[in-house]
Amino acid sequence: PRVAGVGIGFVPDYEGSDDYTFGIAPVFRYTFQKQERYIQLLANELSANVLNHSNFRLGPVLTYRFGRDDDIDDRQVKRMKEIDDTIEGGIFADYVFRLSQNPRHRFIVGGQVQYDLGGESNGWRFTGSARYFHPISTPVDLFVTTQLNFATRDYMDTYFGVDSTDSARSGLPRYSSAGGAKDFALSGGVMYYLSRSWVTTAALRYARLFDHAGDSPIVDDRGSENQLFGGVGIAYMW
């Protein structure tokens, strides 16, 4: 189906923060008539499936990566140099396992690779994910998602590093981050179909920063390795 909706939720002030802020996110998916190809916008991620295949999905993906400015709560981290918003771009691939005749009952494994096109970090991100959707009644679906994220040194040092200038401004110790595993995330939620055209969603996501990301002073000293995201949304389908 074609879908348009909006969600509202809370996210960390910056990646690694233990302070939170609220935001609004759009949801849109246009599926071409009698095809599997689609264009999809989920919050800050835009993707397009170019394959007309019932199981395989493949195509370009763009992510609007939010930076870090002085409009955050932490009094030390806000003194560090600002990180501008940027655009990341790359490719994604998914495989969909149809688990029954109900198209809502499915298991999806996939991955994506993205590069910073805006030149803010000049780094790469790599993501692997698994998503399970299970209808428990006619109007209700439950879903669970796991995700493992990796990033190169350029990305990690931009978002988690503390150079000499940042150290002098903030009072935090200098820190240089290497590349590698960044975080593991687990999400869960429920979808409730109000009718054939309207659906509501509620979801909660927990992510654990580890290795060089978790050891950063902006996380270990001023924030938290434990990151929560949550929200509710409503969408119209046609």
Foldseek 3Di string as FASTA:
>chain_A
DWKWKKKKWKWALAVQAADIDIDMFIWTKDDPPPFRWIWIDTGFKTWTFPDRDPFKGKTKMKGWAQWHELPHDFPQQNQADTQHTFMKMWMKMKTWDCPDPPNQFIKMWIKIKIATPRPRQRKIKIKTKIKGWAAPDDFKIKMKMKMWMWMAQSVCCRRQFQDPVSCVRRVDDGGRFGTTTFKIKMKIWMWGHPDPFKIKIWMKMWMFGDDRNCPGCCNVVRRHRIIMMIIMMMMTDD
